[in-house]
C-alpha atoms as a PDB file:
ATOM      1  CA  UNK A   1       0.000   0.000   0.000  1.00  0.00           C
ATOM      2  CA  UNK A   2       1.274   3.489  -0.834  1.00  0.00           C
ATOM      3  CA  UNK A   3       2.042   5.873   2.027  1.00  0.00           C
ATOM      4  CA  UNK A   4       1.327   9.599   2.136  1.00  0.00           C
ATOM      5  CA  UNK A   5       3.802  11.824   3.953  1.00  0.00           C
ATOM      6  CA  UNK A   6       2.771  15.406   4.633  1.00  0.00           C
ATOM      7  CA  UNK A   7       5.520  17.992   4.685  1.00  0.00           C
ATOM      8  CA  UNK A   8       3.600  21.232   5.051  1.00  0.00           C
ATOM      9  CA  UNK A   9       4.524  24.078   7.335  1.00  0.00           C
ATOM     10  CA  UNK A  10       2.181  24.636  10.256  1.00  0.00           C
ATOM     11  CA  UNK A  11      -0.405  27.373   9.725  1.00  0.00           C
ATOM     12  CA  UNK A  12       0.629  30.683  11.250  1.00  0.00           C
ATOM     13  CA  UNK A  13      -1.022  31.414  14.589  1.00  0.00           C
ATOM     14  CA  UNK A  14      -2.298  34.925  15.088  1.00  0.00           C
ATOM     15  CA  UNK A  15      -2.020  36.586  18.495  1.00  0.00           C
ATOM     16  CA  UNK A  16      -5.214  36.233  20.503  1.00  0.00           C
ATOM     17  CA  UNK A  17      -6.489  33.121  18.741  1.00  0.00           C
ATOM     18  CA  UNK A  18      -7.113  29.839  20.517  1.00  0.00           C
ATOM     19  CA  UNK A  19      -5.381  27.528  18.015  1.00  0.00           C
ATOM     20  CA  UNK A  20      -8.011  28.551  15.489  1.00  0.00           C
ATOM     21  CA  UNK A  21      -7.480  27.037  12.065  1.00  0.00           C
ATOM     22  CA  UNK A  22      -9.656  28.501   9.327  1.00  0.00           C
ATOM     23  CA  UNK A  23     -11.639  26.046   7.219  1.00  0.00           C
ATOM     24  CA  UNK A  24      -9.803  25.434   3.953  1.00  0.00           C
ATOM     25  CA  UNK A  25     -11.362  23.897   0.863  1.00  0.00           C
ATOM     26  CA  UNK A  26      -9.085  21.033  -0.234  1.00  0.00           C
ATOM     27  CA  UNK A  27      -7.286  21.420  -3.562  1.00  0.00           C
ATOM     28  CA  UNK A  28      -7.497  17.632  -4.055  1.00  0.00           C
ATOM     29  CA  UNK A  29      -9.904  15.322  -2.277  1.00  0.00           C
ATOM     30  CA  UNK A  30     -10.234  11.527  -2.608  1.00  0.00           C
ATOM     31  CA  UNK A  31     -13.347   9.933  -1.072  1.00  0.00           C
ATOM     32  CA  UNK A  32     -13.382   6.131  -0.802  1.00  0.00           C
ATOM     33  CA  UNK A  33     -11.605   5.820  -4.161  1.00  0.00           C
ATOM     34  CA  UNK A  34     -10.949   2.357  -5.569  1.00  0.00           C
ATOM     35  CA  UNK A  35      -9.401   1.365  -8.883  1.00  0.00           C
ATOM     36  CA  UNK A  36      -9.760  -2.134 -10.308  1.00  0.00           C
ATOM     37  CA  UNK A  37      -8.142  -3.067 -13.612  1.00  0.00           C
ATOM     38  CA  UNK A  38      -9.434  -5.677 -16.083  1.00  0.00           C
ATOM     39  CA  UNK A  39      -8.460  -9.108 -14.858  1.00  0.00           C
ATOM     40  CA  UNK A  40      -9.386  -8.246 -11.276  1.00  0.00           C
ATOM     41  CA  UNK A  41      -6.169  -6.498 -10.129  1.00  0.00           C
ATOM     42  CA  UNK A  42      -7.183  -3.928  -7.495  1.00  0.00           C
ATOM     43  CA  UNK A  43      -4.586  -1.130  -7.448  1.00  0.00           C
ATOM     44  CA  UNK A  44      -6.374   1.070  -4.863  1.00  0.00           C
ATOM     45  CA  UNK A  45      -8.995   0.154  -2.276  1.00  0.00           C
ATOM     46  CA  UNK A  46     -11.129   2.777  -0.469  1.00  0.00           C
ATOM     47  CA  UNK A  47      -8.513   5.575  -0.380  1.00  0.00           C
ATOM     48  CA  UNK A  48      -9.612   8.826   1.310  1.00  0.00           C
ATOM     49  CA  UNK A  49      -7.546  11.961   1.908  1.00  0.00           C
ATOM     50  CA  UNK A  50      -7.500  15.746   1.417  1.00  0.00           C
ATOM     51  CA  UNK A  51      -4.626  17.914   0.222  1.00  0.00           C
ATOM     52  CA  UNK A  52      -4.901  21.613   1.087  1.00  0.00           C
ATOM     53  CA  UNK A  53      -3.794  24.345  -1.335  1.00  0.00           C
ATOM     54  CA  UNK A  54      -0.027  24.797  -1.021  1.00  0.00           C
ATOM     55  CA  UNK A  55       0.412  21.591   0.966  1.00  0.00           C
ATOM     56  CA  UNK A  56       3.382  19.427   0.008  1.00  0.00           C
ATOM     57  CA  UNK A  57       2.742  15.669   0.022  1.00  0.00           C
ATOM     58  CA  UNK A  58       5.082  12.767  -0.798  1.00  0.00           C
ATOM     59  CA  UNK A  59       3.822   9.382  -1.978  1.00  0.00           C
ATOM     60  CA  UNK A  60       5.945   6.341  -1.270  1.00  0.00           C
ATOM     61  CA  UNK A  61       5.475   2.601  -1.477  1.00  0.00           C
ATOM     62  CA  UNK A  62       6.774  -0.602  -2.987  1.00  0.00           C
ATOM     63  CA  UNK A  63       6.436  -1.528  -6.648  1.00  0.00           C
ATOM     64  CA  UNK A  64       2.769  -2.221  -7.399  1.00  0.00           C
ATOM     65  CA  UNK A  65       1.461  -0.291  -4.376  1.00  0.00           C
ATOM     66  CA  UNK A  66      -0.700   2.026  -6.524  1.00  0.00           C
ATOM     67  CA  UNK A  67       1.403   5.221  -6.578  1.00  0.00           C
ATOM     68  CA  UNK A  68       1.227   5.762 -10.344  1.00  0.00           C
ATOM     69  CA  UNK A  69      -2.445   4.808 -10.455  1.00  0.00           C
ATOM     70  CA  UNK A  70      -3.221   7.370  -7.754  1.00  0.00           C
ATOM     71  CA  UNK A  71      -1.348  10.094  -9.666  1.00  0.00           C
ATOM     72  CA  UNK A  72      -3.156   9.208 -12.920  1.00  0.00           C
ATOM     73  CA  UNK A  73      -6.534   9.684 -11.201  1.00  0.00           C
ATOM     74  CA  UNK A  74      -5.837  13.360 -10.407  1.00  0.00           C
ATOM     75  CA  UNK A  75      -5.723  14.615 -14.054  1.00  0.00           C
ATOM     76  CA  UNK A  76      -8.306  11.962 -15.114  1.00  0.00           C
ATOM     77  CA  UNK A  77      -5.826   9.961 -17.211  1.00  0.00           C
ATOM     78  CA  UNK A  78      -7.440   7.003 -15.414  1.00  0.00           C
ATOM     79  CA  UNK A  79     -10.980   6.854 -13.989  1.00  0.00           C
ATOM     80  CA  UNK A  80     -11.790   5.536 -10.535  1.00  0.00           C
ATOM     81  CA  UNK A  81     -13.825   2.320 -10.394  1.00  0.00           C
ATOM     82  CA  UNK A  82     -15.566   3.575  -7.246  1.00  0.00           C
ATOM     83  CA  UNK A  83     -15.578   6.693  -5.081  1.00  0.00           C
ATOM     84  CA  UNK A  84     -14.976  10.335  -5.948  1.00  0.00           C
ATOM     85  CA  UNK A  85     -11.905  12.343  -6.942  1.00  0.00           C
ATOM     86  CA  UNK A  86     -12.588  16.060  -6.419  1.00  0.00           C
ATOM     87  CA  UNK A  87     -10.269  18.768  -7.755  1.00  0.00           C
ATOM     88  CA  UNK A  88     -10.910  22.328  -6.555  1.00  0.00           C
END
């Protein structure tokens, strides 16, 4: 299974706020996304995550973990078999 590693700076805290983090609309959102290829090979199974605008994310995993498939779903080079891929 592919791993996601977030490497984003922490949001700036303004004086007088109680750790308030404003709601941010994700730039990329995966909701229970699965991808099954002909022949029954399931590259991704129920993947869910959000990536905020400006957030830096690394994807790592062994050969066949689904990294390339996941990246092909973002620009719609591939289509998900189930779930939703939302691009802001």
